Every structure is written in C-alpha cells, then in structure tokens.
Protein backbone atom coordinates (compact mmCIF):
# COMPACT_ATOMS: atom_id res chain seq x y z
CA UNK A 1 57.40 41.02 146.71
CA UNK A 2 57.91 43.95 149.07
CA UNK A 3 55.29 46.42 150.14
CA UNK A 4 54.06 48.42 147.18
CA UNK A 5 54.64 52.14 147.40
CA UNK A 6 52.72 54.54 145.23
CA UNK A 7 53.77 58.11 144.61
CA UNK A 8 52.05 60.69 142.49
CA UNK A 9 54.80 62.57 140.70
CA UNK A 10 53.00 65.39 138.96
CA UNK A 11 50.27 67.74 140.13
CA UNK A 12 49.75 68.62 136.47
CA UNK A 13 48.82 65.06 135.58
CA UNK A 14 47.36 63.04 138.49
CA UNK A 15 47.06 59.95 136.30
CA UNK A 16 50.79 59.24 136.58
CA UNK A 17 51.35 56.29 138.89
CA UNK A 18 54.69 54.73 139.69
CA UNK A 19 54.87 51.37 141.40
CA UNK A 20 57.87 50.05 143.27
CA UNK A 21 58.36 46.48 144.42
CA UNK A 22 60.49 47.56 147.34
CA UNK A 23 59.36 49.81 150.23
CA UNK A 24 60.61 53.41 150.31
CA UNK A 25 60.41 55.62 153.39
CA UNK A 26 61.91 58.65 151.60
CA UNK A 27 61.24 60.29 148.24
CA UNK A 28 62.09 57.86 145.43
CA UNK A 29 65.73 58.66 144.79
CA UNK A 30 67.07 55.09 144.95
CA UNK A 31 64.87 53.85 142.11
CA UNK A 32 67.06 50.95 141.07
CA UNK A 33 66.00 48.81 144.06
CA UNK A 34 63.97 46.05 142.45
CA UNK A 35 61.76 45.91 139.42
CA UNK A 36 60.05 49.16 138.45
CA UNK A 37 56.81 49.46 136.56
CA UNK A 38 55.24 52.57 135.22
CA UNK A 39 51.69 53.19 134.15
CA UNK A 40 50.69 56.52 132.79
CA UNK A 41 48.65 58.54 130.42
CA UNK A 42 49.68 61.80 128.78
CA UNK A 43 46.22 62.56 127.50
CA UNK A 44 45.25 64.80 130.43
CA UNK A 45 48.16 67.16 129.68
CA UNK A 46 46.69 69.33 126.95
CA UNK A 47 49.71 71.26 125.71
CA UNK A 48 52.25 69.26 123.74
CA UNK A 49 55.13 71.34 125.09
CA UNK A 50 54.17 70.39 128.65
CA UNK A 51 54.12 66.70 127.72
CA UNK A 52 57.55 66.90 126.11
CA UNK A 53 58.97 68.80 129.08
CA UNK A 54 57.62 66.23 131.52
CA UNK A 55 59.01 63.34 129.49
CA UNK A 56 62.43 64.94 129.26
CA UNK A 57 62.44 65.58 132.99
CA UNK A 58 61.47 61.98 133.74
CA UNK A 59 64.11 60.45 131.52
CA UNK A 60 66.87 62.69 132.94
CA UNK A 61 65.78 61.81 136.48
CA UNK A 62 65.76 58.08 135.81
CA UNK A 63 69.07 58.14 133.93
CA UNK A 64 70.76 59.92 136.83
CA UNK A 65 69.38 57.89 139.73
CA UNK A 66 68.07 54.58 138.46
CA UNK A 67 69.98 53.94 135.21
CA UNK A 68 66.85 52.35 133.86
CA UNK A 69 63.51 53.55 132.58
CA UNK A 70 60.34 51.92 131.40
CA UNK A 71 57.57 54.10 130.05
CA UNK A 72 54.23 52.83 128.83
CA UNK A 73 51.68 55.36 127.70
CA UNK A 74 48.97 53.54 125.73
CA UNK A 75 46.92 55.93 123.67
CA UNK A 76 48.61 58.94 125.18
CA UNK A 77 49.50 60.62 121.91
CA UNK A 78 46.35 59.81 119.96
CA UNK A 79 43.45 61.34 121.81
CA UNK A 80 40.07 60.35 120.36
CA UNK A 81 41.24 58.00 117.62
CA UNK A 82 38.81 56.45 115.15
CA UNK A 83 38.75 52.71 115.72
CA UNK A 84 38.56 50.30 112.78
CA UNK A 85 35.38 48.27 112.50
CA UNK A 86 37.45 45.10 112.33
CA UNK A 87 40.84 43.73 111.24
CA UNK A 88 40.75 41.64 108.08
CA UNK A 89 44.04 39.98 109.12
CA UNK A 90 43.00 39.21 112.65
CA UNK A 91 45.68 38.63 115.32
CA UNK A 92 43.00 37.30 117.70
CA UNK A 93 43.77 33.86 119.11
CA UNK A 94 40.93 33.57 121.62
CA UNK A 95 38.03 35.75 122.82
CA UNK A 96 36.76 34.96 126.31
CA UNK A 97 33.78 36.18 128.32
CA UNK A 98 33.61 35.40 132.04
CA UNK A 99 30.75 35.86 134.50
CA UNK A 100 31.36 35.47 138.23
CA UNK A 101 28.39 35.02 140.52
CA UNK A 102 27.08 33.91 143.90
CA UNK A 103 25.29 30.57 143.50
CA UNK A 104 21.73 29.95 144.64
CA UNK A 105 22.73 26.33 145.37
CA UNK A 106 26.05 24.87 146.47
CA UNK A 107 25.84 22.27 143.67
CA UNK A 108 25.39 24.86 140.90
CA UNK A 109 28.68 23.90 139.27
CA UNK A 110 27.59 20.27 138.89
CA UNK A 111 24.05 21.08 137.72
CA UNK A 112 24.86 23.69 135.08
CA UNK A 113 26.74 21.45 132.57
CA UNK A 114 23.82 19.08 132.04
CA UNK A 115 21.25 21.87 131.85
CA UNK A 116 23.27 23.91 129.36
CA UNK A 117 24.18 20.87 127.26
CA UNK A 118 20.48 20.20 126.76
CA UNK A 119 19.76 23.91 126.17
CA UNK A 120 22.17 23.98 123.19
CA UNK A 121 21.47 20.74 121.28
CA UNK A 122 24.14 20.02 118.70
CA UNK A 123 26.38 22.95 119.65
CA UNK A 124 28.71 20.95 121.90
CA UNK A 125 30.02 17.50 121.11
CA UNK A 126 31.43 16.56 124.50
CA UNK A 127 31.40 17.40 128.19
CA UNK A 128 34.66 17.04 130.07
CA UNK A 129 35.52 17.35 133.74
CA UNK A 130 38.39 19.69 134.54
CA UNK A 131 41.08 18.92 137.16
CA UNK A 132 39.59 21.24 139.81
CA UNK A 133 36.37 19.20 139.84
CA UNK A 134 38.23 16.56 141.89
CA UNK A 135 38.93 19.03 144.70
CA UNK A 136 36.36 18.89 147.55
CA UNK A 137 33.86 21.77 147.65
CA UNK A 138 34.98 22.92 151.11
CA UNK A 139 38.57 23.35 149.93
CA UNK A 140 37.55 25.14 146.73
CA UNK A 141 35.37 27.58 148.63
CA UNK A 142 38.09 28.37 151.18
CA UNK A 143 40.84 28.92 148.59
CA UNK A 144 40.49 32.20 146.59
CA UNK A 145 42.62 30.69 143.82
CA UNK A 146 40.12 27.85 143.32
CA UNK A 147 36.80 29.51 144.16
CA UNK A 148 36.19 30.82 140.63
CA UNK A 149 37.74 27.95 138.70
CA UNK A 150 35.62 26.05 136.18
CA UNK A 151 34.77 22.43 136.95
CA UNK A 152 33.36 21.23 133.62
CA UNK A 153 33.68 22.25 129.98
CA UNK A 154 31.28 21.81 127.07
CA UNK A 155 33.44 21.65 123.94
CA UNK A 156 32.27 22.46 120.41
CA UNK A 157 34.15 22.94 117.14
CA UNK A 158 34.96 26.62 117.65
CA UNK A 159 33.28 27.45 120.96
CA UNK A 160 33.54 26.19 124.51
CA UNK A 161 31.36 26.80 127.56
CA UNK A 162 32.90 26.17 130.98
CA UNK A 163 31.02 26.16 134.26
CA UNK A 164 31.87 26.17 137.95
CA UNK A 165 30.14 26.81 141.25
CA UNK A 166 30.72 30.55 140.81
CA UNK A 167 31.70 31.06 137.19
CA UNK A 168 30.59 30.79 133.55
CA UNK A 169 33.22 31.10 130.82
CA UNK A 170 32.30 31.37 127.13
CA UNK A 171 35.17 31.15 124.67
CA UNK A 172 35.60 31.58 120.92
CA UNK A 173 38.79 30.06 119.53
CA UNK A 174 40.39 31.23 116.27
CA UNK A 175 37.25 31.71 114.13
CA UNK A 176 36.03 34.91 115.79
CA UNK A 177 32.51 35.72 114.53
CA UNK A 178 32.82 39.48 115.03
CA UNK A 179 31.62 41.73 117.82
CA UNK A 180 27.90 41.72 117.03
CA UNK A 181 27.61 37.94 116.70
CA UNK A 182 29.84 37.27 119.70
CA UNK A 183 27.79 39.54 121.96
CA UNK A 184 24.61 37.90 120.70
CA UNK A 185 25.99 34.46 121.54
CA UNK A 186 26.97 35.64 125.02
CA UNK A 187 23.51 37.11 125.51
CA UNK A 188 21.92 33.78 124.57
CA UNK A 189 24.13 31.90 127.03
CA UNK A 190 23.32 34.35 129.81
CA UNK A 191 19.59 34.06 129.13
CA UNK A 192 19.82 30.27 129.50
CA UNK A 193 21.88 30.62 132.68
CA UNK A 194 19.43 33.11 134.20
CA UNK A 195 16.55 30.76 133.44
CA UNK A 196 18.14 28.02 135.57
CA UNK A 197 17.74 30.22 138.68
CA UNK A 198 21.08 28.88 139.91
CA UNK A 199 22.62 32.38 139.96
CA UNK A 200 21.78 34.34 143.10
CA UNK A 201 23.64 37.55 142.18
CA UNK A 202 26.30 38.64 139.68
CA UNK A 203 29.65 39.66 141.16
CA UNK A 204 31.72 40.50 138.08
CA UNK A 205 31.95 40.14 134.33
CA UNK A 206 34.89 40.54 132.01
CA UNK A 207 36.11 40.25 128.44
CA UNK A 208 39.56 38.88 127.67
CA UNK A 209 41.03 38.98 124.16
CA UNK A 210 44.34 37.20 123.54
CA UNK A 211 46.16 38.38 120.40
CA UNK A 212 49.33 37.27 118.66
CA UNK A 213 50.92 39.77 116.28
CA UNK A 214 53.35 38.10 113.91
CA UNK A 215 56.80 39.70 113.89
CA UNK A 216 60.41 38.62 114.00
CA UNK A 217 62.32 38.95 117.25
CA UNK A 218 63.83 42.42 117.35
CA UNK A 219 60.83 43.99 115.62
CA UNK A 220 58.09 43.01 118.07
CA UNK A 221 58.23 45.88 120.58
CA UNK A 222 58.14 48.32 117.67
CA UNK A 223 54.51 47.29 117.19
CA UNK A 224 53.58 48.95 120.49
CA UNK A 225 52.50 52.56 120.87
CA UNK A 226 54.97 52.95 123.73
CA UNK A 227 58.55 53.94 124.43
CA UNK A 228 60.52 51.28 126.27
CA UNK A 229 64.06 51.95 127.47
CA UNK A 230 66.64 50.55 129.85
CA UNK A 231 70.00 52.07 130.73
CA UNK A 232 69.33 54.82 128.24
CA UNK A 233 68.89 52.52 125.25
CA UNK A 234 66.39 50.16 123.63
CA UNK A 235 65.18 47.36 125.84
CA UNK A 236 66.00 43.77 124.91
CA UNK A 237 63.11 41.70 123.57
CA UNK A 238 64.55 38.48 124.95
CA UNK A 239 62.23 37.26 127.70
CA UNK A 240 60.45 40.62 127.85
CA UNK A 241 57.20 40.82 129.80
CA UNK A 242 55.10 43.84 130.75
CA UNK A 243 51.95 44.10 132.86
CA UNK A 244 49.98 47.23 133.67
CA UNK A 245 46.43 48.34 134.46
CA UNK A 246 44.36 50.98 132.67
CA UNK A 247 41.19 52.45 134.19
CA UNK A 248 38.42 53.56 131.82
CA UNK A 249 35.43 54.73 133.86
CA UNK A 250 33.91 51.64 135.50
CA UNK A 251 36.12 49.31 133.47
CA UNK A 252 39.60 48.16 134.40
CA UNK A 253 41.84 46.64 131.74
CA UNK A 254 44.74 44.42 132.75
CA UNK A 255 47.22 44.36 129.86
CA UNK A 256 50.01 41.81 129.49
CA UNK A 257 52.68 41.87 126.80
CA UNK A 258 55.04 38.97 126.04
CA UNK A 259 57.66 38.88 123.31
CA UNK A 260 58.63 35.80 121.30
CA UNK A 261 55.47 33.92 122.29
CA UNK A 262 54.47 30.78 120.40
CA UNK A 263 50.88 29.63 119.99
CA UNK A 264 50.03 26.13 118.73
CA UNK A 265 46.66 25.84 116.98
CA UNK A 266 44.38 22.81 116.65
CA UNK A 267 45.34 22.30 113.01
CA UNK A 268 48.95 21.74 114.07
CA UNK A 269 50.20 25.13 112.85
CA UNK A 270 52.29 27.24 115.24
CA UNK A 271 52.84 30.99 115.12
CA UNK A 272 55.38 33.13 116.94
CA UNK A 273 55.21 36.83 117.68
CA UNK A 274 54.15 39.47 120.18
CA UNK A 275 51.43 38.33 122.58
CA UNK A 276 49.05 41.12 123.58
CA UNK A 277 46.57 39.99 126.25
CA UNK A 278 43.83 42.46 127.27
CA UNK A 279 41.51 41.50 130.14
CA UNK A 280 38.79 44.12 130.73
CA UNK A 281 36.59 43.73 133.80
CA UNK A 282 33.68 45.77 135.13
CA UNK A 283 34.46 47.30 138.52
CA UNK A 284 31.14 49.10 139.12
CA UNK A 285 27.94 48.01 140.85
CA UNK A 286 26.01 45.10 139.33
CA UNK A 287 22.73 45.27 141.25
CA UNK A 288 20.81 45.63 137.97
CA UNK A 289 22.97 43.41 135.78
CA UNK A 290 20.21 41.32 134.18
CA UNK A 291 18.00 44.13 132.85
CA UNK A 292 21.07 46.16 131.80
CA UNK A 293 23.25 43.32 130.54
CA UNK A 294 23.11 44.20 126.82
CA UNK A 295 24.26 47.76 127.46
CA UNK A 296 26.92 46.69 129.96
CA UNK A 297 28.34 44.06 127.60
CA UNK A 298 28.52 46.57 124.74
CA UNK A 299 30.32 49.06 127.00
CA UNK A 300 32.78 46.42 128.19
CA UNK A 301 33.62 45.33 124.65
CA UNK A 302 34.05 48.96 123.57
CA UNK A 303 36.44 49.64 126.47
CA UNK A 304 38.55 46.58 125.64
CA UNK A 305 38.64 47.50 121.96
CA UNK A 306 39.78 51.03 122.75
CA UNK A 307 42.55 49.75 125.02
CA UNK A 308 43.72 47.21 122.44
CA UNK A 309 44.01 49.66 119.55
CA UNK A 310 45.61 52.32 121.76
CA UNK A 311 48.45 49.88 122.43
CA UNK A 312 49.38 49.54 118.73
CA UNK A 313 51.23 51.85 116.37
CA UNK A 314 49.53 52.98 113.18
CA UNK A 315 51.91 50.74 111.24
CA UNK A 316 50.94 47.69 113.31
CA UNK A 317 47.24 48.39 112.74
CA UNK A 318 47.79 48.91 109.00
CA UNK A 319 49.58 45.57 108.77
CA UNK A 320 46.36 43.92 109.99
CA UNK A 321 44.39 45.41 107.06
CA UNK A 322 41.80 47.41 109.03
CA UNK A 323 38.23 47.80 107.79
CA UNK A 324 37.38 51.47 108.35
CA UNK A 325 33.63 50.95 107.89
CA UNK A 326 31.01 52.03 110.41
CA UNK A 327 31.21 50.22 113.75
CA UNK A 328 28.35 47.78 114.08
C-alpha cells in the first residue's frame, strides 16, 4: 500500500476525510489511482440544503475525474435517533470484550488460565492451548502481531474466556444475555483478574459485536444507511468489502462490512447474509481504569450500540423486531 494522503475537502464540515492508497503531490484530481475509501459525517452540517449541495458537488466531481464514488455516512441523516432497547430477532453472532494490559509477571499468560478456571467452578468444561502458546515468549514479545494474542482458552457452553500474557478476551456466542447481564459478567471476570495482581496496568479495552443480517444477494447493501456507487451506478455486491473508522469522543469504532458472508453455528446450521462487524475501542487515558471500569464499560457499549444502529436503515431495524422499551 502506498503512502496514505489525507485531504480535508470542506471548511464547512471538517469531519470529511478522504483516504487514498496512492501518494498525491498535487490536489486530488487523478482520483482513480488505486482504491479509494471515504469516511464522513453530514451531521455537523446543520442546513439540509447545504448537505444536498455538498453531496451533489462531490458526486459530479467524482464522476468527472474518477468515474467511481463510494460514500459512507453512518448516522448522518438521523441526528439523535432513539435506539431500541434490544432486537427480538437478533442478528448478533458473537459479542466480544477484550482487555489489553501490561503484565506484572512475564508468566501471566500461563498462570491466569488455572487461576480463573478455579475462580469460576462449573462455568467452563475445558481448557485448551491455542497455537500461539507454542511460540517462545521472546518471539511473541518482539512481534506486534503476536504480543496480544491469547495463549489459552477456557470453553463453556455459551461463553469462552481466553488469556494471554497481555490480553483477556471474554466472548458470548449466539445466546447473547443482553447488555445488562453481559456487562455484569465482564465486571465479574475483571474483578477476578484484578485480584490475581498479575495486571500491572491497563492499556486498552474494547467491545466487538459481529452481526449477520439475513438477506439475499442483491438486497444486502440496501440494509445499510449509506449510499454506495461506482461508475455512476449501484455497486456490485459480489465480493464487496468496506472498512472505515468512526470517532465518538474517546471511543473509536472500526466498522467492517462484508456481503454474502456465511456463518456456521455449533448446531450445524449455516446462515448467509450481510456481515456487520463493529469493533469499538477506548482511545483515552486509562490511569484510573479499575475504579471507573463500570462507567467506562457502559460508555463503550453505548458508543458501539449507537454506531451499529446508525449503520442500518429503518427497514433493516424493523425487520429485526425492535423492542422500543426503556434502555436498561
């Protein structure tokens, strides 16, 4: 990938950010060099006429010079939307919480599985070693791709708890218990981890929710609250992938979209549809993580939830049978 060039295109809306995979030394007139990704929000432009004028200008510019355009504006047209309490027909495949930390001991990743297995009697039926556990510690620590990989996994019926020298991963598969219960479970795990005194300091935490929305090929991108075009017409869903980042205060959401994705479940059933993967991480300071963890976790979940629903059309949300009750 070439050097990434970033250019702010509008003084009216500084949130617009274009990214180019090829270097440009002049204003971006030759836009068709390489893959182009666009992130943007229209929310900061208050007047609807200004938003429409900007969109029209952008599409004319791209059609003239690049012959292709991709626009993603999650939540841009909705403003402060009321979020459903939950979806009765849940598209959620897996909910994951990850905590990255600096270890108090170099052998933390090997000590944590046994301690946590005993701390949760009956919750996990087996402990398995993951492939990275066979890699020497010195190599894992020197390789950024391996440093935060889990070494062991405690597996239960619907939950798993993975541990490494610098990471704890708590996962709920299929049978999601709901926000309140899930955050309580995470809080319990963190309390047990803190008690071990194997965590020197917390570096990062994140929530990742992987969703699969059932739809036939050709109707999947219509589920998104976004306009996607190429060469002046609808973009093909065959092999389509989209990745962008959305900043929400101290939280950064990395959103990935894949069409025609197939997920195989433990019961042998497979489903195909639009994969919507939202990974929301905290990018602020974590000096006071332990005393503030409950508040920080609630904020992180709320940010992810807002990003997820902002990506979907009203029709897509309605198809999931939303519960409009009070958020718990």
